[in-house]
Amino acid sequence: MKRIAVFLTALCIVLCTGCDSGYDCSLNNIAYNRVNFYTTNEHGIESPYALPEALTVSIMVNGRDSIVVNHITGTKELTLPMSYTSDCDTLTFDYWNGITDTLYVGHKNIPFYQSMECGVIMHHTLTEVKHTGNLIDSMAINTTQINFDYNENIKLYFIE
């Protein structure tokens, strides 16, 4: 009787684990734009910059405005979603002191077939980035490819 119980338990374990395909589509289907903050000193040497107070970031896509970061404090970087349906994302940075900057991120959407289970996902290539100059001094595109790696895509230089 014990042998039958052990056999049935082992059989259940084998059958249940055999059905797992190894894909976790919910975790691996969004490519994020990684934006890091910097400042430069009088000699042009850059260093990471943490915004001293709260920052709220909203994105405008297809005429709809959505808050993607709400009152984050002391941040040196952001990981932001990209639009699948538009070739330009408009990001609004609302600072603690009532000042606002706008970042225009132009990109090309590239469909990428991941698997039968997950279907098609979207990668992006940055084409251009423009900004207003209230607290953002300048910017640079570091890596144009936006996919699932953790490379820095955009450097934002802030006025201190």
N, C-alpha and C. Protein backbone atom coordinates (compact mmCIF):
# COMPACT_ATOMS: atom_id res chain seq x y z
N MET A 1 0.81 -1.19 0.00
CA MET A 1 0.00 0.00 0.00
C MET A 1 0.87 1.27 0.00
N LYS A 2 1.98 1.21 0.77
CA LYS A 2 2.88 2.35 0.81
C LYS A 2 3.53 2.58 -0.55
N ARG A 3 3.85 1.50 -1.24
CA ARG A 3 4.50 1.62 -2.54
C ARG A 3 3.56 2.29 -3.55
N ILE A 4 2.30 1.97 -3.48
CA ILE A 4 1.33 2.57 -4.40
C ILE A 4 1.20 4.06 -4.11
N ALA A 5 1.15 4.45 -2.85
CA ALA A 5 1.05 5.86 -2.47
C ALA A 5 2.28 6.63 -2.93
N VAL A 6 3.47 6.06 -2.74
CA VAL A 6 4.70 6.71 -3.17
C VAL A 6 4.72 6.84 -4.69
N PHE A 7 4.31 5.77 -5.39
CA PHE A 7 4.27 5.79 -6.85
C PHE A 7 3.30 6.86 -7.37
N LEU A 8 2.11 6.94 -6.79
CA LEU A 8 1.13 7.93 -7.22
C LEU A 8 1.60 9.35 -6.93
N THR A 9 2.26 9.57 -5.81
CA THR A 9 2.80 10.89 -5.48
C THR A 9 3.88 11.28 -6.49
N ALA A 10 4.79 10.36 -6.77
CA ALA A 10 5.85 10.64 -7.75
C ALA A 10 5.27 10.90 -9.13
N LEU A 11 4.24 10.12 -9.51
CA LEU A 11 3.61 10.31 -10.81
C LEU A 11 2.96 11.69 -10.90
N CYS A 12 2.29 12.13 -9.85
CA CYS A 12 1.67 13.46 -9.83
C CYS A 12 2.72 14.55 -9.96
N ILE A 13 3.84 14.41 -9.27
CA ILE A 13 4.90 15.41 -9.35
C ILE A 13 5.46 15.48 -10.76
N VAL A 14 5.71 14.34 -11.37
CA VAL A 14 6.25 14.31 -12.73
C VAL A 14 5.26 14.92 -13.71
N LEU A 15 4.00 14.58 -13.61
CA LEU A 15 3.00 15.09 -14.53
C LEU A 15 2.79 16.60 -14.38
N CYS A 16 2.76 17.07 -13.15
CA CYS A 16 2.53 18.50 -12.91
C CYS A 16 3.72 19.35 -13.36
N THR A 17 4.93 18.89 -13.12
CA THR A 17 6.10 19.67 -13.55
C THR A 17 6.37 19.52 -15.02
N GLY A 18 5.91 18.46 -15.64
CA GLY A 18 6.10 18.25 -17.06
C GLY A 18 5.27 19.18 -17.92
N CYS A 19 4.23 19.78 -17.38
CA CYS A 19 3.36 20.68 -18.13
C CYS A 19 3.89 22.10 -18.20
N ASP A 20 4.88 22.43 -17.41
CA ASP A 20 5.44 23.78 -17.39
C ASP A 20 6.34 23.98 -18.60
N SER A 21 6.06 25.03 -19.38
CA SER A 21 6.84 25.29 -20.59
C SER A 21 8.10 26.09 -20.29
N GLY A 22 8.20 26.66 -19.10
CA GLY A 22 9.37 27.44 -18.75
C GLY A 22 9.23 28.92 -19.09
N TYR A 23 8.17 29.31 -19.79
CA TYR A 23 7.97 30.71 -20.16
C TYR A 23 7.13 31.41 -19.12
N ASP A 24 7.50 32.63 -18.81
CA ASP A 24 6.69 33.47 -17.96
C ASP A 24 6.42 34.75 -18.74
N CYS A 25 5.42 34.72 -19.57
CA CYS A 25 5.15 35.82 -20.48
C CYS A 25 4.82 37.12 -19.74
N SER A 26 4.19 37.02 -18.60
CA SER A 26 3.79 38.24 -17.90
C SER A 26 5.00 39.03 -17.42
N LEU A 27 6.12 38.39 -17.18
CA LEU A 27 7.31 39.09 -16.71
C LEU A 27 8.24 39.52 -17.84
N ASN A 28 8.13 38.92 -19.01
CA ASN A 28 9.12 39.13 -20.06
C ASN A 28 8.55 39.75 -21.33
N ASN A 29 7.54 40.59 -21.25
CA ASN A 29 6.96 41.08 -22.49
C ASN A 29 6.94 42.60 -22.62
N ILE A 30 7.62 43.33 -21.78
CA ILE A 30 7.65 44.79 -21.89
C ILE A 30 9.10 45.25 -21.86
N ALA A 31 9.48 46.03 -22.87
CA ALA A 31 10.81 46.62 -22.92
C ALA A 31 10.72 48.04 -22.35
N TYR A 32 11.56 48.35 -21.38
CA TYR A 32 11.51 49.65 -20.71
C TYR A 32 12.66 50.55 -21.13
N ASN A 33 12.37 51.85 -21.22
CA ASN A 33 13.35 52.89 -21.49
C ASN A 33 14.01 53.24 -20.15
N ARG A 34 15.32 53.09 -20.07
CA ARG A 34 16.04 53.38 -18.83
C ARG A 34 16.70 54.75 -18.93
N VAL A 35 16.26 55.66 -18.05
CA VAL A 35 16.72 57.04 -18.04
C VAL A 35 17.47 57.27 -16.72
N ASN A 36 18.72 57.73 -16.82
CA ASN A 36 19.51 58.03 -15.63
C ASN A 36 19.76 59.54 -15.55
N PHE A 37 19.88 60.04 -14.32
CA PHE A 37 20.04 61.46 -14.07
C PHE A 37 21.50 61.77 -13.73
N TYR A 38 21.99 62.90 -14.27
CA TYR A 38 23.37 63.33 -14.04
C TYR A 38 23.42 64.83 -13.87
N THR A 39 24.54 65.28 -13.36
CA THR A 39 24.89 66.69 -13.35
C THR A 39 26.37 66.77 -13.71
N THR A 40 26.81 67.91 -14.17
CA THR A 40 28.23 68.08 -14.50
C THR A 40 28.78 69.25 -13.69
N ASN A 41 30.05 69.14 -13.33
CA ASN A 41 30.69 70.24 -12.60
C ASN A 41 31.32 71.22 -13.59
N GLU A 42 32.02 72.21 -13.08
CA GLU A 42 32.61 73.25 -13.94
C GLU A 42 33.69 72.71 -14.88
N HIS A 43 34.21 71.51 -14.60
CA HIS A 43 35.22 70.90 -15.45
C HIS A 43 34.61 69.91 -16.45
N GLY A 44 33.29 69.81 -16.47
CA GLY A 44 32.61 68.92 -17.41
C GLY A 44 32.57 67.47 -16.98
N ILE A 45 32.91 67.20 -15.73
CA ILE A 45 32.89 65.82 -15.23
C ILE A 45 31.48 65.50 -14.75
N GLU A 46 30.92 64.41 -15.26
CA GLU A 46 29.55 64.04 -14.88
C GLU A 46 29.55 63.17 -13.63
N SER A 47 28.49 63.32 -12.88
CA SER A 47 28.27 62.47 -11.71
C SER A 47 26.78 62.21 -11.58
N PRO A 48 26.40 61.06 -11.02
CA PRO A 48 24.97 60.77 -10.83
C PRO A 48 24.30 61.86 -10.00
N TYR A 49 23.07 62.14 -10.32
CA TYR A 49 22.33 63.20 -9.65
C TYR A 49 21.01 62.65 -9.12
N ALA A 50 20.76 62.87 -7.85
CA ALA A 50 19.49 62.48 -7.25
C ALA A 50 18.64 63.73 -7.09
N LEU A 51 17.44 63.69 -7.64
CA LEU A 51 16.55 64.83 -7.47
C LEU A 51 16.26 65.00 -5.99
N PRO A 52 16.39 66.21 -5.47
CA PRO A 52 16.29 66.39 -4.01
C PRO A 52 14.90 66.19 -3.43
N GLU A 53 13.88 66.38 -4.24
CA GLU A 53 12.51 66.25 -3.73
C GLU A 53 11.66 65.40 -4.67
N ALA A 54 10.37 65.45 -4.48
CA ALA A 54 9.44 64.57 -5.21
C ALA A 54 9.37 64.90 -6.70
N LEU A 55 9.22 63.85 -7.49
CA LEU A 55 9.07 63.95 -8.93
C LEU A 55 7.86 63.11 -9.34
N THR A 56 7.03 63.68 -10.21
CA THR A 56 5.92 62.94 -10.80
C THR A 56 6.13 62.95 -12.31
N VAL A 57 6.03 61.78 -12.93
CA VAL A 57 6.22 61.67 -14.37
C VAL A 57 4.93 61.12 -14.97
N SER A 58 4.44 61.81 -15.98
CA SER A 58 3.27 61.32 -16.71
C SER A 58 3.63 61.19 -18.18
N ILE A 59 2.94 60.30 -18.86
CA ILE A 59 3.20 60.04 -20.28
C ILE A 59 1.92 60.28 -21.06
N MET A 60 2.08 60.95 -22.20
CA MET A 60 0.95 61.22 -23.08
C MET A 60 1.09 60.32 -24.30
N VAL A 61 0.13 59.42 -24.49
CA VAL A 61 0.13 58.51 -25.63
C VAL A 61 -1.27 58.52 -26.24
N ASN A 62 -1.33 58.79 -27.53
CA ASN A 62 -2.61 58.80 -28.26
C ASN A 62 -3.66 59.68 -27.59
N GLY A 63 -3.23 60.84 -27.12
CA GLY A 63 -4.15 61.79 -26.51
C GLY A 63 -4.57 61.48 -25.09
N ARG A 64 -4.00 60.43 -24.49
CA ARG A 64 -4.35 60.07 -23.11
C ARG A 64 -3.14 60.28 -22.22
N ASP A 65 -3.37 60.84 -21.06
CA ASP A 65 -2.33 61.15 -20.10
C ASP A 65 -2.39 60.15 -18.95
N SER A 66 -1.25 59.53 -18.63
CA SER A 66 -1.20 58.56 -17.53
C SER A 66 0.01 58.84 -16.65
N ILE A 67 -0.18 58.82 -15.35
CA ILE A 67 0.93 58.98 -14.42
C ILE A 67 1.65 57.63 -14.31
N VAL A 68 2.95 57.63 -14.58
CA VAL A 68 3.74 56.39 -14.49
C VAL A 68 4.65 56.39 -13.26
N VAL A 69 4.97 57.56 -12.73
CA VAL A 69 5.74 57.68 -11.49
C VAL A 69 5.07 58.78 -10.68
N ASN A 70 4.73 58.50 -9.42
CA ASN A 70 4.00 59.47 -8.62
C ASN A 70 4.76 59.80 -7.34
N HIS A 71 5.26 61.01 -7.27
CA HIS A 71 5.93 61.56 -6.08
C HIS A 71 7.10 60.70 -5.59
N ILE A 72 7.96 60.28 -6.49
CA ILE A 72 9.16 59.54 -6.11
C ILE A 72 10.19 60.54 -5.60
N THR A 73 10.91 60.19 -4.57
CA THR A 73 11.89 61.11 -3.99
C THR A 73 13.29 60.52 -4.04
N GLY A 74 14.28 61.39 -4.21
CA GLY A 74 15.68 61.00 -4.17
C GLY A 74 16.09 60.04 -5.28
N THR A 75 15.41 60.04 -6.39
CA THR A 75 15.71 59.08 -7.45
C THR A 75 16.85 59.56 -8.34
N LYS A 76 17.63 58.60 -8.84
CA LYS A 76 18.71 58.88 -9.78
C LYS A 76 18.42 58.28 -11.15
N GLU A 77 17.31 57.55 -11.26
CA GLU A 77 16.99 56.88 -12.52
C GLU A 77 15.52 56.57 -12.59
N LEU A 78 15.06 56.35 -13.82
CA LEU A 78 13.68 55.94 -14.07
C LEU A 78 13.67 54.80 -15.07
N THR A 79 12.71 53.93 -14.94
CA THR A 79 12.46 52.87 -15.90
C THR A 79 11.05 53.11 -16.42
N LEU A 80 10.96 53.53 -17.68
CA LEU A 80 9.68 54.01 -18.21
C LEU A 80 9.18 53.13 -19.35
N PRO A 81 7.87 52.90 -19.41
CA PRO A 81 7.31 52.12 -20.52
C PRO A 81 7.33 52.93 -21.80
N MET A 82 7.25 52.22 -22.92
CA MET A 82 7.23 52.85 -24.24
C MET A 82 5.89 52.53 -24.91
N SER A 83 5.42 53.44 -25.75
CA SER A 83 4.19 53.23 -26.48
C SER A 83 4.39 52.22 -27.61
N TYR A 84 3.42 51.33 -27.78
CA TYR A 84 3.44 50.37 -28.89
C TYR A 84 2.78 50.94 -30.14
N THR A 85 1.93 51.94 -29.97
CA THR A 85 1.10 52.43 -31.06
C THR A 85 1.54 53.78 -31.61
N SER A 86 2.43 54.45 -30.95
CA SER A 86 2.88 55.77 -31.37
C SER A 86 4.38 55.74 -31.61
N ASP A 87 4.86 56.68 -32.42
CA ASP A 87 6.31 56.76 -32.65
C ASP A 87 6.96 57.90 -31.88
N CYS A 88 6.19 58.56 -31.02
CA CYS A 88 6.73 59.60 -30.15
C CYS A 88 5.98 59.59 -28.83
N ASP A 89 6.71 59.46 -27.74
CA ASP A 89 6.12 59.53 -26.40
C ASP A 89 6.43 60.91 -25.81
N THR A 90 5.44 61.50 -25.17
CA THR A 90 5.62 62.80 -24.52
C THR A 90 5.59 62.56 -23.02
N LEU A 91 6.73 62.80 -22.37
CA LEU A 91 6.85 62.61 -20.93
C LEU A 91 6.89 63.97 -20.24
N THR A 92 6.07 64.14 -19.23
CA THR A 92 6.05 65.38 -18.46
C THR A 92 6.64 65.13 -17.09
N PHE A 93 7.66 65.89 -16.74
CA PHE A 93 8.31 65.81 -15.44
C PHE A 93 7.79 66.97 -14.59
N ASP A 94 6.99 66.67 -13.57
CA ASP A 94 6.49 67.67 -12.64
C ASP A 94 7.34 67.62 -11.38
N TYR A 95 8.08 68.71 -11.12
CA TYR A 95 8.99 68.76 -9.98
C TYR A 95 8.28 69.30 -8.75
N TRP A 96 8.92 69.13 -7.61
CA TRP A 96 8.38 69.53 -6.33
C TRP A 96 8.11 71.03 -6.24
N ASN A 97 8.82 71.85 -7.00
CA ASN A 97 8.71 73.31 -6.88
C ASN A 97 7.75 73.92 -7.90
N GLY A 98 6.93 73.09 -8.56
CA GLY A 98 5.96 73.58 -9.51
C GLY A 98 6.49 73.78 -10.91
N ILE A 99 7.77 73.54 -11.12
CA ILE A 99 8.37 73.65 -12.45
C ILE A 99 8.12 72.35 -13.20
N THR A 100 7.95 72.46 -14.51
CA THR A 100 7.69 71.29 -15.35
C THR A 100 8.67 71.26 -16.52
N ASP A 101 9.14 70.08 -16.86
CA ASP A 101 9.92 69.85 -18.07
C ASP A 101 9.19 68.81 -18.90
N THR A 102 9.37 68.88 -20.21
CA THR A 102 8.77 67.90 -21.11
C THR A 102 9.88 67.24 -21.92
N LEU A 103 9.79 65.93 -22.04
CA LEU A 103 10.74 65.14 -22.81
C LEU A 103 9.98 64.47 -23.95
N TYR A 104 10.43 64.68 -25.17
CA TYR A 104 9.81 64.08 -26.35
C TYR A 104 10.73 62.96 -26.83
N VAL A 105 10.26 61.73 -26.77
CA VAL A 105 11.07 60.56 -27.11
C VAL A 105 10.54 59.95 -28.41
N GLY A 106 11.29 60.16 -29.49
CA GLY A 106 10.94 59.57 -30.77
C GLY A 106 11.53 58.18 -30.87
N HIS A 107 10.74 57.23 -31.37
CA HIS A 107 11.22 55.86 -31.44
C HIS A 107 10.53 55.10 -32.56
N LYS A 108 11.19 54.05 -32.99
CA LYS A 108 10.63 53.13 -33.98
C LYS A 108 10.25 51.86 -33.24
N ASN A 109 9.03 51.39 -33.44
CA ASN A 109 8.55 50.16 -32.81
C ASN A 109 8.92 48.97 -33.69
N ILE A 110 9.53 47.95 -33.09
CA ILE A 110 9.99 46.78 -33.83
C ILE A 110 9.33 45.53 -33.24
N PRO A 111 8.36 44.92 -33.94
CA PRO A 111 7.75 43.69 -33.43
C PRO A 111 8.80 42.57 -33.38
N PHE A 112 8.74 41.79 -32.32
CA PHE A 112 9.71 40.71 -32.12
C PHE A 112 8.94 39.47 -31.68
N TYR A 113 9.07 38.40 -32.45
CA TYR A 113 8.39 37.15 -32.10
C TYR A 113 9.17 36.47 -30.98
N GLN A 114 8.52 36.31 -29.82
CA GLN A 114 9.19 35.70 -28.67
C GLN A 114 9.00 34.20 -28.64
N SER A 115 7.75 33.74 -28.71
CA SER A 115 7.46 32.31 -28.65
C SER A 115 5.99 32.08 -28.95
N MET A 116 5.64 30.81 -29.13
CA MET A 116 4.23 30.46 -29.34
C MET A 116 3.40 30.85 -28.12
N GLU A 117 3.96 30.64 -26.93
CA GLU A 117 3.23 30.92 -25.70
C GLU A 117 3.03 32.41 -25.47
N CYS A 118 4.05 33.22 -25.80
CA CYS A 118 4.01 34.64 -25.49
C CYS A 118 3.63 35.51 -26.68
N GLY A 119 3.74 34.99 -27.88
CA GLY A 119 3.38 35.76 -29.06
C GLY A 119 4.43 36.80 -29.42
N VAL A 120 3.95 37.92 -29.96
CA VAL A 120 4.83 39.00 -30.41
C VAL A 120 4.96 40.04 -29.30
N ILE A 121 6.18 40.48 -29.08
CA ILE A 121 6.45 41.55 -28.13
C ILE A 121 7.06 42.71 -28.91
N MET A 122 7.27 43.84 -28.28
CA MET A 122 7.76 45.01 -28.98
C MET A 122 9.10 45.45 -28.42
N HIS A 123 10.07 45.62 -29.31
CA HIS A 123 11.33 46.29 -29.01
C HIS A 123 11.24 47.68 -29.64
N HIS A 124 12.14 48.57 -29.26
CA HIS A 124 12.10 49.94 -29.76
C HIS A 124 13.52 50.39 -30.10
N THR A 125 13.61 51.30 -31.06
CA THR A 125 14.88 51.96 -31.37
C THR A 125 14.65 53.46 -31.22
N LEU A 126 15.46 54.11 -30.37
CA LEU A 126 15.35 55.55 -30.20
C LEU A 126 15.81 56.24 -31.47
N THR A 127 15.03 57.21 -31.94
CA THR A 127 15.40 57.96 -33.13
C THR A 127 15.82 59.39 -32.78
N GLU A 128 15.15 59.99 -31.81
CA GLU A 128 15.54 61.32 -31.34
C GLU A 128 14.88 61.60 -30.00
N VAL A 129 15.50 62.48 -29.25
CA VAL A 129 14.94 62.91 -27.97
C VAL A 129 15.12 64.42 -27.88
N LYS A 130 14.04 65.12 -27.55
CA LYS A 130 14.07 66.57 -27.35
C LYS A 130 13.54 66.87 -25.95
N HIS A 131 13.87 68.04 -25.45
CA HIS A 131 13.42 68.39 -24.09
C HIS A 131 13.28 69.90 -23.95
N THR A 132 12.50 70.29 -22.95
CA THR A 132 12.46 71.69 -22.55
C THR A 132 13.61 71.91 -21.59
N GLY A 133 13.92 73.15 -21.28
CA GLY A 133 15.11 73.43 -20.48
C GLY A 133 14.87 74.14 -19.17
N ASN A 134 13.86 73.75 -18.43
CA ASN A 134 13.63 74.40 -17.14
C ASN A 134 14.60 73.89 -16.08
N LEU A 135 14.61 72.60 -15.80
CA LEU A 135 15.61 72.01 -14.90
C LEU A 135 16.52 71.04 -15.63
N ILE A 136 16.10 70.58 -16.81
CA ILE A 136 16.95 69.71 -17.63
C ILE A 136 17.88 70.60 -18.44
N ASP A 137 19.18 70.43 -18.24
CA ASP A 137 20.18 71.23 -18.95
C ASP A 137 20.43 70.67 -20.34
N SER A 138 20.64 69.36 -20.43
CA SER A 138 20.90 68.71 -21.71
C SER A 138 20.61 67.23 -21.57
N MET A 139 20.76 66.51 -22.67
CA MET A 139 20.53 65.07 -22.64
C MET A 139 21.39 64.41 -23.70
N ALA A 140 21.54 63.10 -23.56
CA ALA A 140 22.29 62.31 -24.54
C ALA A 140 21.66 60.93 -24.63
N ILE A 141 21.63 60.40 -25.86
CA ILE A 141 21.19 59.02 -26.05
C ILE A 141 22.41 58.14 -25.87
N ASN A 142 22.37 57.25 -24.90
CA ASN A 142 23.49 56.36 -24.63
C ASN A 142 23.38 55.05 -25.42
N THR A 143 22.21 54.43 -25.41
CA THR A 143 21.95 53.19 -26.14
C THR A 143 20.63 53.35 -26.87
N THR A 144 20.65 53.19 -28.19
CA THR A 144 19.43 53.40 -28.97
C THR A 144 18.47 52.23 -28.90
N GLN A 145 18.96 51.03 -28.65
CA GLN A 145 18.11 49.84 -28.62
C GLN A 145 17.44 49.69 -27.26
N ILE A 146 16.12 49.62 -27.26
CA ILE A 146 15.36 49.39 -26.03
C ILE A 146 14.77 47.99 -26.14
N ASN A 147 15.28 47.09 -25.32
CA ASN A 147 14.79 45.71 -25.30
C ASN A 147 14.79 45.25 -23.84
N PHE A 148 15.16 44.03 -23.58
CA PHE A 148 15.05 43.51 -22.21
C PHE A 148 16.35 43.58 -21.42
N ASP A 149 17.37 44.22 -21.96
CA ASP A 149 18.60 44.35 -21.18
C ASP A 149 18.47 45.54 -20.22
N TYR A 150 19.46 45.72 -19.39
CA TYR A 150 19.40 46.79 -18.40
C TYR A 150 20.35 47.92 -18.72
N ASN A 151 20.62 48.13 -20.01
CA ASN A 151 21.50 49.22 -20.42
C ASN A 151 20.80 50.56 -20.28
N GLU A 152 21.58 51.57 -19.97
CA GLU A 152 21.08 52.93 -19.89
C GLU A 152 20.78 53.42 -21.30
N ASN A 153 19.58 53.94 -21.52
CA ASN A 153 19.20 54.43 -22.83
C ASN A 153 19.40 55.94 -22.97
N ILE A 154 18.95 56.69 -21.97
CA ILE A 154 19.01 58.16 -22.04
C ILE A 154 19.69 58.70 -20.79
N LYS A 155 20.58 59.69 -21.00
CA LYS A 155 21.20 60.43 -19.90
C LYS A 155 20.56 61.81 -19.87
N LEU A 156 20.00 62.18 -18.73
CA LEU A 156 19.46 63.53 -18.54
C LEU A 156 20.38 64.28 -17.60
N TYR A 157 20.83 65.44 -18.04
CA TYR A 157 21.71 66.29 -17.23
C TYR A 157 20.88 67.42 -16.65
N PHE A 158 20.89 67.52 -15.33
CA PHE A 158 20.07 68.52 -14.64
C PHE A 158 20.90 69.72 -14.21
N ILE A 159 20.25 70.88 -14.15
CA ILE A 159 20.85 72.09 -13.61
C ILE A 159 20.76 72.00 -12.10
N GLU A 160 21.86 72.21 -11.41
CA GLU A 160 21.83 72.13 -9.94
C GLU A 160 21.45 73.45 -9.34
